N, C-alpha and C. Protein backbone atom coordinates (compact mmCIF):
# COMPACT_ATOMS: atom_id res chain seq x y z
N UNK A 1 66.51 112.60 129.22
CA UNK A 1 67.73 112.14 129.85
C UNK A 1 68.28 110.96 129.05
N UNK A 2 69.57 111.01 128.76
CA UNK A 2 70.21 109.97 127.98
C UNK A 2 70.68 108.84 128.90
N UNK A 3 70.35 107.64 128.52
CA UNK A 3 70.76 106.50 129.33
C UNK A 3 72.20 106.12 129.03
N UNK A 4 72.78 105.37 129.92
CA UNK A 4 74.16 104.90 129.72
C UNK A 4 74.26 104.06 128.45
N UNK A 5 73.26 103.23 128.22
CA UNK A 5 73.26 102.38 127.02
C UNK A 5 73.21 103.23 125.75
N UNK A 6 72.39 104.27 125.75
CA UNK A 6 72.29 105.15 124.59
C UNK A 6 73.61 105.88 124.35
N UNK A 7 74.26 106.34 125.43
CA UNK A 7 75.55 107.02 125.28
C UNK A 7 76.61 106.07 124.74
N UNK A 8 76.60 104.85 125.24
CA UNK A 8 77.57 103.85 124.77
C UNK A 8 77.33 103.55 123.29
N UNK A 9 76.07 103.40 122.89
CA UNK A 9 75.76 103.13 121.49
C UNK A 9 76.15 104.31 120.61
N UNK A 10 75.92 105.52 121.10
CA UNK A 10 76.31 106.71 120.35
C UNK A 10 77.82 106.76 120.16
N UNK A 11 78.57 106.42 121.20
CA UNK A 11 80.04 106.41 121.10
C UNK A 11 80.50 105.36 120.09
N UNK A 12 79.87 104.19 120.10
CA UNK A 12 80.21 103.14 119.14
C UNK A 12 79.88 103.57 117.72
N UNK A 13 78.73 104.21 117.55
CA UNK A 13 78.34 104.72 116.23
C UNK A 13 79.33 105.78 115.74
N UNK A 14 79.76 106.65 116.64
CA UNK A 14 80.74 107.68 116.28
C UNK A 14 82.07 107.05 115.88
N UNK A 15 82.51 106.04 116.62
CA UNK A 15 83.74 105.34 116.28
C UNK A 15 83.64 104.73 114.88
N UNK A 16 82.52 104.10 114.59
CA UNK A 16 82.31 103.51 113.27
C UNK A 16 82.39 104.58 112.18
N UNK A 17 81.74 105.70 112.43
CA UNK A 17 81.75 106.80 111.46
C UNK A 17 83.17 107.33 111.24
N UNK A 18 83.92 107.48 112.33
CA UNK A 18 85.30 107.96 112.22
C UNK A 18 86.14 106.96 111.42
N UNK A 19 86.04 105.67 111.75
CA UNK A 19 86.86 104.67 111.07
C UNK A 19 86.45 104.49 109.61
N UNK A 20 85.15 104.53 109.33
CA UNK A 20 84.70 104.46 107.93
C UNK A 20 85.25 105.64 107.14
N UNK A 21 85.20 106.81 107.74
CA UNK A 21 85.71 108.00 107.07
C UNK A 21 87.22 107.93 106.90
N UNK A 22 87.92 107.45 107.93
CA UNK A 22 89.38 107.31 107.83
C UNK A 22 89.75 106.35 106.71
N UNK A 23 88.99 105.28 106.55
CA UNK A 23 89.25 104.34 105.46
C UNK A 23 89.05 105.02 104.11
N UNK A 24 88.01 105.83 104.00
CA UNK A 24 87.76 106.55 102.75
C UNK A 24 88.87 107.56 102.46
N UNK A 25 89.28 108.29 103.47
CA UNK A 25 90.36 109.27 103.30
C UNK A 25 91.65 108.56 102.90
N UNK A 26 91.96 107.46 103.57
CA UNK A 26 93.16 106.70 103.24
C UNK A 26 93.11 106.21 101.80
N UNK A 27 91.94 105.79 101.36
CA UNK A 27 91.79 105.35 99.97
C UNK A 27 91.99 106.48 98.98
N UNK A 28 91.60 107.68 99.36
CA UNK A 28 91.73 108.83 98.46
C UNK A 28 93.14 109.41 98.43
N UNK A 29 93.74 109.58 99.60
CA UNK A 29 95.03 110.30 99.66
C UNK A 29 96.20 109.43 100.11
N UNK A 30 95.92 108.22 100.59
CA UNK A 30 96.96 107.34 101.10
C UNK A 30 97.14 107.51 102.60
N UNK A 31 97.68 106.49 103.22
CA UNK A 31 97.88 106.52 104.67
C UNK A 31 98.86 107.60 105.10
N UNK A 32 99.88 107.83 104.28
CA UNK A 32 100.90 108.81 104.66
C UNK A 32 100.37 110.24 104.68
N UNK A 33 99.29 110.50 103.94
CA UNK A 33 98.74 111.86 103.90
C UNK A 33 97.42 111.99 104.66
N UNK A 34 96.99 110.93 105.33
CA UNK A 34 95.78 110.98 106.13
C UNK A 34 96.01 111.90 107.33
N UNK A 35 95.07 112.80 107.57
CA UNK A 35 95.17 113.69 108.72
C UNK A 35 93.90 113.57 109.56
N UNK A 36 94.06 113.82 110.85
CA UNK A 36 92.91 113.80 111.75
C UNK A 36 91.91 114.87 111.34
N UNK A 37 92.41 116.02 110.95
CA UNK A 37 91.49 117.11 110.58
C UNK A 37 90.67 116.75 109.34
N UNK A 38 91.27 116.07 108.37
CA UNK A 38 90.52 115.65 107.18
C UNK A 38 89.45 114.63 107.55
N UNK A 39 89.82 113.68 108.39
CA UNK A 39 88.86 112.66 108.82
C UNK A 39 87.72 113.32 109.59
N UNK A 40 88.06 114.19 110.52
CA UNK A 40 87.04 114.86 111.33
C UNK A 40 86.09 115.66 110.46
N UNK A 41 86.64 116.42 109.55
CA UNK A 41 85.82 117.28 108.70
C UNK A 41 84.84 116.44 107.86
N UNK A 42 85.35 115.40 107.22
CA UNK A 42 84.48 114.57 106.38
C UNK A 42 83.46 113.78 107.19
N UNK A 43 83.81 113.42 108.42
CA UNK A 43 82.89 112.66 109.27
C UNK A 43 81.86 113.57 109.94
N UNK A 44 82.08 114.88 109.86
CA UNK A 44 81.14 115.81 110.48
C UNK A 44 81.42 116.07 111.94
N UNK A 45 82.68 115.87 112.35
CA UNK A 45 83.09 116.11 113.73
C UNK A 45 84.14 117.21 113.76
N UNK A 46 84.39 117.73 114.93
CA UNK A 46 85.54 118.61 115.10
C UNK A 46 86.77 117.74 115.31
N UNK A 47 87.94 118.31 115.06
CA UNK A 47 89.18 117.58 115.33
C UNK A 47 89.25 117.19 116.80
N UNK A 48 88.79 118.08 117.68
CA UNK A 48 88.79 117.80 119.11
C UNK A 48 87.97 116.58 119.47
N UNK A 49 86.87 116.37 118.77
CA UNK A 49 86.03 115.20 119.04
C UNK A 49 86.77 113.92 118.67
N UNK A 50 87.52 113.96 117.57
CA UNK A 50 88.29 112.78 117.17
C UNK A 50 89.44 112.57 118.15
N UNK A 51 90.11 113.66 118.54
CA UNK A 51 91.20 113.55 119.51
C UNK A 51 90.71 113.10 120.89
N UNK A 52 89.45 113.32 121.18
CA UNK A 52 88.90 112.83 122.45
C UNK A 52 88.84 111.30 122.45
N UNK A 53 88.73 110.73 121.27
CA UNK A 53 88.66 109.26 121.15
C UNK A 53 90.03 108.66 120.86
N UNK A 54 90.82 109.31 120.03
CA UNK A 54 92.14 108.82 119.63
C UNK A 54 93.18 109.87 120.02
N UNK A 55 94.22 109.45 120.71
CA UNK A 55 95.23 110.39 121.21
C UNK A 55 95.95 111.14 120.10
N UNK A 56 96.18 110.46 118.99
CA UNK A 56 96.93 111.08 117.89
C UNK A 56 96.65 110.32 116.60
N UNK A 57 97.25 110.77 115.53
CA UNK A 57 97.07 110.18 114.20
C UNK A 57 97.46 108.70 114.21
N UNK A 58 98.57 108.39 114.88
CA UNK A 58 99.04 107.01 114.91
C UNK A 58 98.04 106.08 115.57
N UNK A 59 97.42 106.54 116.65
CA UNK A 59 96.42 105.71 117.32
C UNK A 59 95.21 105.50 116.41
N UNK A 60 94.84 106.52 115.66
CA UNK A 60 93.75 106.38 114.70
C UNK A 60 94.12 105.36 113.62
N UNK A 61 95.36 105.40 113.14
CA UNK A 61 95.80 104.45 112.12
C UNK A 61 95.81 103.01 112.66
N UNK A 62 96.22 102.85 113.91
CA UNK A 62 96.21 101.52 114.52
C UNK A 62 94.77 101.01 114.62
N UNK A 63 93.87 101.86 115.05
CA UNK A 63 92.46 101.47 115.14
C UNK A 63 91.91 101.12 113.76
N UNK A 64 92.30 101.90 112.77
CA UNK A 64 91.87 101.63 111.40
C UNK A 64 92.36 100.25 110.97
N UNK A 65 93.60 99.93 111.25
CA UNK A 65 94.14 98.61 110.92
C UNK A 65 93.40 97.52 111.67
N UNK A 66 93.25 97.68 112.98
CA UNK A 66 92.63 96.64 113.80
C UNK A 66 91.18 96.38 113.43
N UNK A 67 90.46 97.42 113.08
CA UNK A 67 89.02 97.28 112.88
C UNK A 67 88.58 97.20 111.43
N UNK A 68 89.47 97.52 110.50
CA UNK A 68 89.08 97.48 109.09
C UNK A 68 90.01 96.61 108.26
N UNK A 69 91.28 96.96 108.20
CA UNK A 69 92.21 96.27 107.32
C UNK A 69 92.49 94.84 107.76
N UNK A 70 92.55 94.60 109.05
CA UNK A 70 92.84 93.25 109.53
C UNK A 70 91.77 92.26 109.09
N UNK A 71 90.53 92.68 109.05
CA UNK A 71 89.44 91.79 108.62
C UNK A 71 89.60 91.40 107.16
N UNK A 72 90.01 92.34 106.33
CA UNK A 72 90.23 92.05 104.91
C UNK A 72 91.38 91.05 104.77
N UNK A 73 92.46 91.27 105.50
CA UNK A 73 93.61 90.37 105.44
C UNK A 73 93.23 88.98 105.96
N UNK A 74 92.47 88.91 107.02
CA UNK A 74 92.03 87.61 107.54
C UNK A 74 91.19 86.86 106.52
N UNK A 75 90.29 87.56 105.83
CA UNK A 75 89.47 86.94 104.80
C UNK A 75 90.34 86.41 103.66
N UNK A 76 91.34 87.19 103.27
CA UNK A 76 92.26 86.79 102.22
C UNK A 76 93.01 85.52 102.62
N UNK A 77 93.53 85.49 103.84
CA UNK A 77 94.27 84.32 104.32
C UNK A 77 93.35 83.10 104.37
N UNK A 78 92.13 83.30 104.82
CA UNK A 78 91.17 82.20 104.87
C UNK A 78 90.90 81.66 103.47
N UNK A 79 90.69 82.55 102.49
CA UNK A 79 90.40 82.13 101.12
C UNK A 79 91.57 81.34 100.52
N UNK A 80 92.78 81.82 100.72
CA UNK A 80 93.95 81.11 100.21
C UNK A 80 94.06 79.74 100.88
N UNK A 81 93.85 79.70 102.18
CA UNK A 81 93.91 78.43 102.91
C UNK A 81 92.87 77.44 102.44
N UNK A 82 91.66 77.90 102.16
CA UNK A 82 90.62 76.97 101.73
C UNK A 82 90.92 76.43 100.34
N UNK A 83 91.55 77.23 99.49
CA UNK A 83 91.96 76.73 98.18
C UNK A 83 93.00 75.63 98.33
N UNK A 84 93.92 75.83 99.24
CA UNK A 84 94.96 74.81 99.47
C UNK A 84 94.35 73.54 100.03
N UNK A 85 93.47 73.68 101.01
CA UNK A 85 92.86 72.50 101.64
C UNK A 85 91.99 71.73 100.67
N UNK A 86 91.35 72.44 99.76
CA UNK A 86 90.42 71.79 98.84
C UNK A 86 91.10 71.33 97.56
N UNK A 87 92.40 71.40 97.51
CA UNK A 87 93.14 70.87 96.37
C UNK A 87 93.01 71.68 95.10
N UNK A 88 92.80 72.98 95.23
CA UNK A 88 92.71 73.82 94.03
C UNK A 88 94.04 73.81 93.31
N UNK A 89 93.97 73.92 92.00
CA UNK A 89 95.21 73.90 91.23
C UNK A 89 95.96 75.23 91.41
N UNK A 90 97.24 75.26 91.11
CA UNK A 90 98.05 76.46 91.32
C UNK A 90 97.53 77.71 90.60
N UNK A 91 96.92 77.54 89.44
CA UNK A 91 96.39 78.70 88.71
C UNK A 91 95.25 79.36 89.49
N UNK A 92 94.39 78.53 90.11
CA UNK A 92 93.31 79.09 90.92
C UNK A 92 93.87 79.83 92.13
N UNK A 93 94.87 79.25 92.79
CA UNK A 93 95.50 79.92 93.94
C UNK A 93 96.13 81.22 93.51
N UNK A 94 96.76 81.24 92.36
CA UNK A 94 97.39 82.46 91.86
C UNK A 94 96.35 83.55 91.63
N UNK A 95 95.16 83.18 91.19
CA UNK A 95 94.13 84.19 90.95
C UNK A 95 93.71 84.85 92.26
N UNK A 96 93.72 84.11 93.36
CA UNK A 96 93.41 84.69 94.68
C UNK A 96 94.49 85.66 95.07
N UNK A 97 95.74 85.31 94.86
CA UNK A 97 96.85 86.18 95.23
C UNK A 97 96.79 87.49 94.46
N UNK A 98 96.36 87.44 93.22
CA UNK A 98 96.25 88.67 92.41
C UNK A 98 95.10 89.54 92.87
N UNK A 99 94.17 88.98 93.59
CA UNK A 99 93.03 89.71 94.10
C UNK A 99 93.52 90.82 94.94
């Protein structure tokens, strides 16, 4: 018998797998060509399983932004801010922006 905690952990693990796969698909084909069926297939799920979690492609893209891309952007903003606070010269700040 599966416990509630195990089911919750399984759902979280599945979400992680879906989002990791969506990030990989987006990297390969771009956000405009990302499809739920491609993500599902590569993640080892049916499209229906992904649609059970995300209503549509747009909701999947929002989740991808919230859980993956936003963290990268936050790190970038933090790095630029710390260079400014620590008195880094403009050339050093420019190298962060090119990152």
